[in-house]
Amino acid sequence: MIRSYRFEKGKDKYIVFYEKVPLSGWSVASVIVFVSKRMTLPLVKLSNFAEEIAEGNIRC
């Protein structure tokens, strides 16, 4: 049975999925980091810049 654990560190959110390996008794984990804000912020800035240019503000 795969189990999960969620936590936050600063502004980042993490989900860890883990499962015990029957032969060894060890647990194997995969970590997923949610960094959507870091990925989308440059796109938002680019969109705002494009809107400024479209409105005729070439000094932005």
PDB file of N, CA and C in Angstrom:
ATOM      1  N   MET A   1       0.843  -1.183   0.000  1.00  0.00           N
ATOM      2  CA  MET A   1       0.000   0.000   0.000  1.00  0.00           C
ATOM      3  C   MET A   1       0.890   1.249   0.000  1.00  0.00           C
ATOM      4  N   ILE A   2       0.675   2.100  -0.983  1.00  0.00           N
ATOM      5  CA  ILE A   2       1.440   3.343  -1.074  1.00  0.00           C
ATOM      6  C   ILE A   2       0.847   4.351  -0.097  1.00  0.00           C
ATOM      7  N   ARG A   3       1.721   4.962   0.661  1.00  0.00           N
ATOM      8  CA  ARG A   3       1.299   5.980   1.635  1.00  0.00           C
ATOM      9  C   ARG A   3       1.851   7.323   1.210  1.00  0.00           C
ATOM     10  N   SER A   4       1.264   8.382   1.727  1.00  0.00           N
ATOM     11  CA  SER A   4       1.743   9.715   1.383  1.00  0.00           C
ATOM     12  C   SER A   4       1.830  10.581   2.628  1.00  0.00           C
ATOM     13  N   TYR A   5       2.676  11.579   2.523  1.00  0.00           N
ATOM     14  CA  TYR A   5       2.885  12.540   3.601  1.00  0.00           C
ATOM     15  C   TYR A   5       3.046  13.903   2.954  1.00  0.00           C
ATOM     16  N   ARG A   6       2.306  14.881   3.426  1.00  0.00           N
ATOM     17  CA  ARG A   6       2.367  16.239   2.874  1.00  0.00           C
ATOM     18  C   ARG A   6       2.977  17.175   3.903  1.00  0.00           C
ATOM     19  N   PHE A   7       3.804  18.109   3.421  1.00  0.00           N
ATOM     20  CA  PHE A   7       4.357  19.112   4.321  1.00  0.00           C
ATOM     21  C   PHE A   7       4.764  20.345   3.533  1.00  0.00           C
ATOM     22  N   GLU A   8       4.978  21.424   4.253  1.00  0.00           N
ATOM     23  CA  GLU A   8       5.412  22.678   3.657  1.00  0.00           C
ATOM     24  C   GLU A   8       6.719  23.104   4.302  1.00  0.00           C
ATOM     25  N   LYS A   9       7.582  23.700   3.494  1.00  0.00           N
ATOM     26  CA  LYS A   9       8.827  24.260   3.992  1.00  0.00           C
ATOM     27  C   LYS A   9       8.981  25.617   3.338  1.00  0.00           C
ATOM     28  N   GLY A  10       8.790  26.659   4.114  1.00  0.00           N
ATOM     29  CA  GLY A  10       8.779  28.002   3.540  1.00  0.00           C
ATOM     30  C   GLY A  10       7.557  28.153   2.650  1.00  0.00           C
ATOM     31  N   LYS A  11       7.776  28.571   1.424  1.00  0.00           N
ATOM     32  CA  LYS A  11       6.677  28.741   0.473  1.00  0.00           C
ATOM     33  C   LYS A  11       6.441  27.498  -0.382  1.00  0.00           C
ATOM     34  N   ASP A  12       7.323  26.517  -0.255  1.00  0.00           N
ATOM     35  CA  ASP A  12       7.216  25.307  -1.073  1.00  0.00           C
ATOM     36  C   ASP A  12       6.334  24.264  -0.408  1.00  0.00           C
ATOM     37  N   LYS A  13       5.601  23.537  -1.222  1.00  0.00           N
ATOM     38  CA  LYS A  13       4.753  22.447  -0.742  1.00  0.00           C
ATOM     39  C   LYS A  13       5.292  21.145  -1.304  1.00  0.00           C
ATOM     40  N   TYR A  14       5.316  20.114  -0.473  1.00  0.00           N
ATOM     41  CA  TYR A  14       5.858  18.819  -0.861  1.00  0.00           C
ATOM     42  C   TYR A  14       4.846  17.718  -0.583  1.00  0.00           C
ATOM     43  N   ILE A  15       4.895  16.693  -1.412  1.00  0.00           N
ATOM     44  CA  ILE A  15       4.173  15.448  -1.137  1.00  0.00           C
ATOM     45  C   ILE A  15       5.194  14.326  -1.307  1.00  0.00           C
ATOM     46  N   VAL A  16       5.277  13.470  -0.306  1.00  0.00           N
ATOM     47  CA  VAL A  16       6.171  12.319  -0.359  1.00  0.00           C
ATOM     48  C   VAL A  16       5.306  11.072  -0.450  1.00  0.00           C
ATOM     49  N   PHE A  17       5.577  10.235  -1.450  1.00  0.00           N
ATOM     50  CA  PHE A  17       4.914   8.941  -1.578  1.00  0.00           C
ATOM     51  C   PHE A  17       5.933   7.874  -1.207  1.00  0.00           C
ATOM     52  N   TYR A  18       5.529   6.928  -0.378  1.00  0.00           N
ATOM     53  CA  TYR A  18       6.473   5.893   0.022  1.00  0.00           C
ATOM     54  C   TYR A  18       5.774   4.552   0.199  1.00  0.00           C
ATOM     55  N   GLU A  19       6.581   3.520   0.037  1.00  0.00           N
ATOM     56  CA  GLU A  19       6.069   2.166   0.186  1.00  0.00           C
ATOM     57  C   GLU A  19       7.197   1.270   0.676  1.00  0.00           C
ATOM     58  N   LYS A  20       6.863   0.326   1.510  1.00  0.00           N
ATOM     59  CA  LYS A  20       7.846  -0.615   2.028  1.00  0.00           C
ATOM     60  C   LYS A  20       8.140  -1.678   0.972  1.00  0.00           C
ATOM     61  N   VAL A  21       9.427  -1.984   0.789  1.00  0.00           N
ATOM     62  CA  VAL A  21       9.846  -3.020  -0.150  1.00  0.00           C
ATOM     63  C   VAL A  21       9.855  -4.343   0.609  1.00  0.00           C
ATOM     64  N   PRO A  22       9.019  -5.299   0.193  1.00  0.00           N
ATOM     65  CA  PRO A  22       8.869  -6.546   0.952  1.00  0.00           C
ATOM     66  C   PRO A  22      10.171  -7.332   1.161  1.00  0.00           C
ATOM     67  N   LEU A  23      11.016  -7.421   0.144  1.00  0.00           N
ATOM     68  CA  LEU A  23      12.222  -8.237   0.264  1.00  0.00           C
ATOM     69  C   LEU A  23      13.256  -7.672   1.229  1.00  0.00           C
ATOM     70  N   SER A  24      13.355  -6.364   1.298  1.00  0.00           N
ATOM     71  CA  SER A  24      14.386  -5.751   2.132  1.00  0.00           C
ATOM     72  C   SER A  24      13.847  -5.168   3.431  1.00  0.00           C
ATOM     73  N   GLY A  25      12.559  -4.828   3.440  1.00  0.00           N
ATOM     74  CA  GLY A  25      11.997  -4.164   4.613  1.00  0.00           C
ATOM     75  C   GLY A  25      12.250  -2.662   4.615  1.00  0.00           C
ATOM     76  N   TRP A  26      12.975  -2.187   3.610  1.00  0.00           N
ATOM     77  CA  TRP A  26      13.241  -0.757   3.501  1.00  0.00           C
ATOM     78  C   TRP A  26      12.031  -0.057   2.896  1.00  0.00           C
ATOM     79  N   SER A  27      11.998   1.247   3.052  1.00  0.00           N
ATOM     80  CA  SER A  27      10.958   2.048   2.415  1.00  0.00           C
ATOM     81  C   SER A  27      11.575   2.843   1.273  1.00  0.00           C
ATOM     82  N   VAL A  28      10.853   2.930   0.177  1.00  0.00           N
ATOM     83  CA  VAL A  28      11.283   3.714  -0.980  1.00  0.00           C
ATOM     84  C   VAL A  28      10.331   4.894  -1.100  1.00  0.00           C
ATOM     85  N   ALA A  29      10.900   6.088  -1.310  1.00  0.00           N
ATOM     86  CA  ALA A  29      10.070   7.294  -1.349  1.00  0.00           C
ATOM     87  C   ALA A  29      10.325   8.085  -2.626  1.00  0.00           C
ATOM     88  N   SER A  30       9.291   8.760  -3.088  1.00  0.00           N
ATOM     89  CA  SER A  30       9.369   9.718  -4.190  1.00  0.00           C
ATOM     90  C   SER A  30       8.840  11.037  -3.666  1.00  0.00           C
ATOM     91  N   VAL A  31       9.535  12.113  -3.978  1.00  0.00           N
ATOM     92  CA  VAL A  31       9.132  13.435  -3.496  1.00  0.00           C
ATOM     93  C   VAL A  31       8.679  14.268  -4.685  1.00  0.00           C
ATOM     94  N   ILE A  32       7.528  14.882  -4.534  1.00  0.00           N
ATOM     95  CA  ILE A  32       7.009  15.797  -5.546  1.00  0.00           C
ATOM     96  C   ILE A  32       6.971  17.186  -4.914  1.00  0.00           C
ATOM     97  N   VAL A  33       7.581  18.142  -5.579  1.00  0.00           N
ATOM     98  CA  VAL A  33       7.629  19.512  -5.080  1.00  0.00           C
ATOM     99  C   VAL A  33       6.697  20.356  -5.937  1.00  0.00           C
ATOM    100  N   PHE A  34       5.823  21.068  -5.281  1.00  0.00           N
ATOM    101  CA  PHE A  34       4.917  21.948  -6.004  1.00  0.00           C
ATOM    102  C   PHE A  34       5.541  23.333  -6.069  1.00  0.00           C
ATOM    103  N   VAL A  35       6.004  23.657  -7.244  1.00  0.00           N
ATOM    104  CA  VAL A  35       6.671  24.935  -7.460  1.00  0.00           C
ATOM    105  C   VAL A  35       5.927  25.734  -8.522  1.00  0.00           C
ATOM    106  N   SER A  36       4.638  25.561  -8.560  1.00  0.00           N
ATOM    107  CA  SER A  36       3.861  26.188  -9.623  1.00  0.00           C
ATOM    108  C   SER A  36       4.011  27.699  -9.628  1.00  0.00           C
ATOM    109  N   LYS A  37       4.108  28.304  -8.461  1.00  0.00           N
ATOM    110  CA  LYS A  37       4.229  29.758  -8.427  1.00  0.00           C
ATOM    111  C   LYS A  37       5.550  30.187  -9.057  1.00  0.00           C
ATOM    112  N   ARG A  38       6.617  29.453  -8.781  1.00  0.00           N
ATOM    113  CA  ARG A  38       7.904  29.783  -9.375  1.00  0.00           C
ATOM    114  C   ARG A  38       7.887  29.592 -10.879  1.00  0.00           C
ATOM    115  N   MET A  39       7.121  28.641 -11.345  1.00  0.00           N
ATOM    116  CA  MET A  39       7.065  28.374 -12.782  1.00  0.00           C
ATOM    117  C   MET A  39       6.182  29.381 -13.501  1.00  0.00           C
ATOM    118  N   THR A  40       5.130  29.839 -12.867  1.00  0.00           N
ATOM    119  CA  THR A  40       4.183  30.721 -13.547  1.00  0.00           C
ATOM    120  C   THR A  40       4.513  32.200 -13.401  1.00  0.00           C
ATOM    121  N   LEU A  41       5.284  32.578 -12.387  1.00  0.00           N
ATOM    122  CA  LEU A  41       5.579  33.997 -12.185  1.00  0.00           C
ATOM    123  C   LEU A  41       6.244  34.632 -13.401  1.00  0.00           C
ATOM    124  N   PRO A  42       7.235  34.012 -14.039  1.00  0.00           N
ATOM    125  CA  PRO A  42       7.807  34.624 -15.247  1.00  0.00           C
ATOM    126  C   PRO A  42       6.786  34.799 -16.369  1.00  0.00           C
ATOM    127  N   LEU A  43       5.844  33.866 -16.479  1.00  0.00           N
ATOM    128  CA  LEU A  43       4.804  33.989 -17.504  1.00  0.00           C
ATOM    129  C   LEU A  43       3.865  35.152 -17.206  1.00  0.00           C
ATOM    130  N   VAL A  44       3.560  35.360 -15.944  1.00  0.00           N
ATOM    131  CA  VAL A  44       2.712  36.498 -15.552  1.00  0.00           C
ATOM    132  C   VAL A  44       3.433  37.804 -15.871  1.00  0.00           C
ATOM    133  N   LYS A  45       4.720  37.872 -15.550  1.00  0.00           N
ATOM    134  CA  LYS A  45       5.491  39.086 -15.843  1.00  0.00           C
ATOM    135  C   LYS A  45       5.544  39.345 -17.348  1.00  0.00           C
ATOM    136  N   LEU A  46       5.753  38.294 -18.130  1.00  0.00           N
ATOM    137  CA  LEU A  46       5.785  38.431 -19.586  1.00  0.00           C
ATOM    138  C   LEU A  46       4.440  38.908 -20.122  1.00  0.00           C
ATOM    139  N   SER A  47       3.365  38.384 -19.575  1.00  0.00           N
ATOM    140  CA  SER A  47       2.028  38.786 -19.994  1.00  0.00           C
ATOM    141  C   SER A  47       1.779  40.258 -19.673  1.00  0.00           C
ATOM    142  N   ASN A  48       2.159  40.683 -18.486  1.00  0.00           N
ATOM    143  CA  ASN A  48       1.997  42.093 -18.105  1.00  0.00           C
ATOM    144  C   ASN A  48       2.819  43.003 -19.021  1.00  0.00           C
ATOM    145  N   PHE A  49       4.039  42.585 -19.334  1.00  0.00           N
ATOM    146  CA  PHE A  49       4.898  43.350 -20.230  1.00  0.00           C
ATOM    147  C   PHE A  49       4.268  43.460 -21.619  1.00  0.00           C
ATOM    148  N   ALA A  50       3.729  42.364 -22.125  1.00  0.00           N
ATOM    149  CA  ALA A  50       3.087  42.364 -23.438  1.00  0.00           C
ATOM    150  C   ALA A  50       1.873  43.294 -23.463  1.00  0.00           C
ATOM    151  N   GLU A  51       1.119  43.315 -22.373  1.00  0.00           N
ATOM    152  CA  GLU A  51      -0.037  44.223 -22.301  1.00  0.00           C
ATOM    153  C   GLU A  51       0.413  45.679 -22.333  1.00  0.00           C
ATOM    154  N   GLU A  52       1.501  45.992 -21.628  1.00  0.00           N
ATOM    155  CA  GLU A  52       2.021  47.362 -21.641  1.00  0.00           C
ATOM    156  C   GLU A  52       2.421  47.771 -23.059  1.00  0.00           C
ATOM    157  N   ILE A  53       3.108  46.880 -23.763  1.00  0.00           N
ATOM    158  CA  ILE A  53       3.521  47.169 -25.134  1.00  0.00           C
ATOM    159  C   ILE A  53       2.293  47.339 -26.030  1.00  0.00           C
ATOM    160  N   ALA A  54       1.276  46.490 -25.854  1.00  0.00           N
ATOM    161  CA  ALA A  54       0.062  46.574 -26.664  1.00  0.00           C
ATOM    162  C   ALA A  54      -0.676  47.885 -26.438  1.00  0.00           C
ATOM    163  N   GLU A  55      -0.541  48.452 -25.228  1.00  0.00           N
ATOM    164  CA  GLU A  55      -1.204  49.732 -24.927  1.00  0.00           C
ATOM    165  C   GLU A  55      -0.365  50.910 -25.393  1.00  0.00           C
ATOM    166  N   GLY A  56       0.796  50.630 -25.972  1.00  0.00           N
ATOM    167  CA  GLY A  56       1.612  51.716 -26.518  1.00  0.00           C
ATOM    168  C   GLY A  56       2.707  52.193 -25.589  1.00  0.00           C
ATOM    169  N   ASN A  57       2.857  51.601 -24.438  1.00  0.00           N
ATOM    170  CA  ASN A  57       3.899  51.994 -23.496  1.00  0.00           C
ATOM    171  C   ASN A  57       5.178  51.223 -23.845  1.00  0.00           C
ATOM    172  N   ILE A  58       6.038  51.871 -24.648  1.00  0.00           N
ATOM    173  CA  ILE A  58       7.258  51.180 -25.066  1.00  0.00           C
ATOM    174  C   ILE A  58       8.412  51.438 -24.094  1.00  0.00           C
ATOM    175  N   ARG A  59       8.165  52.159 -23.025  1.00  0.00           N
ATOM    176  CA  ARG A  59       9.220  52.448 -22.037  1.00  0.00           C
ATOM    177  C   ARG A  59       9.053  51.585 -20.773  1.00  0.00           C
ATOM    178  N   CYS A  60       8.245  50.573 -20.829  1.00  0.00           N
ATOM    179  CA  CYS A  60       8.048  49.741 -19.635  1.00  0.00           C
ATOM    180  C   CYS A  60       9.208  48.832 -19.508  1.00  0.00           C
TER     181      CYS A  60
END
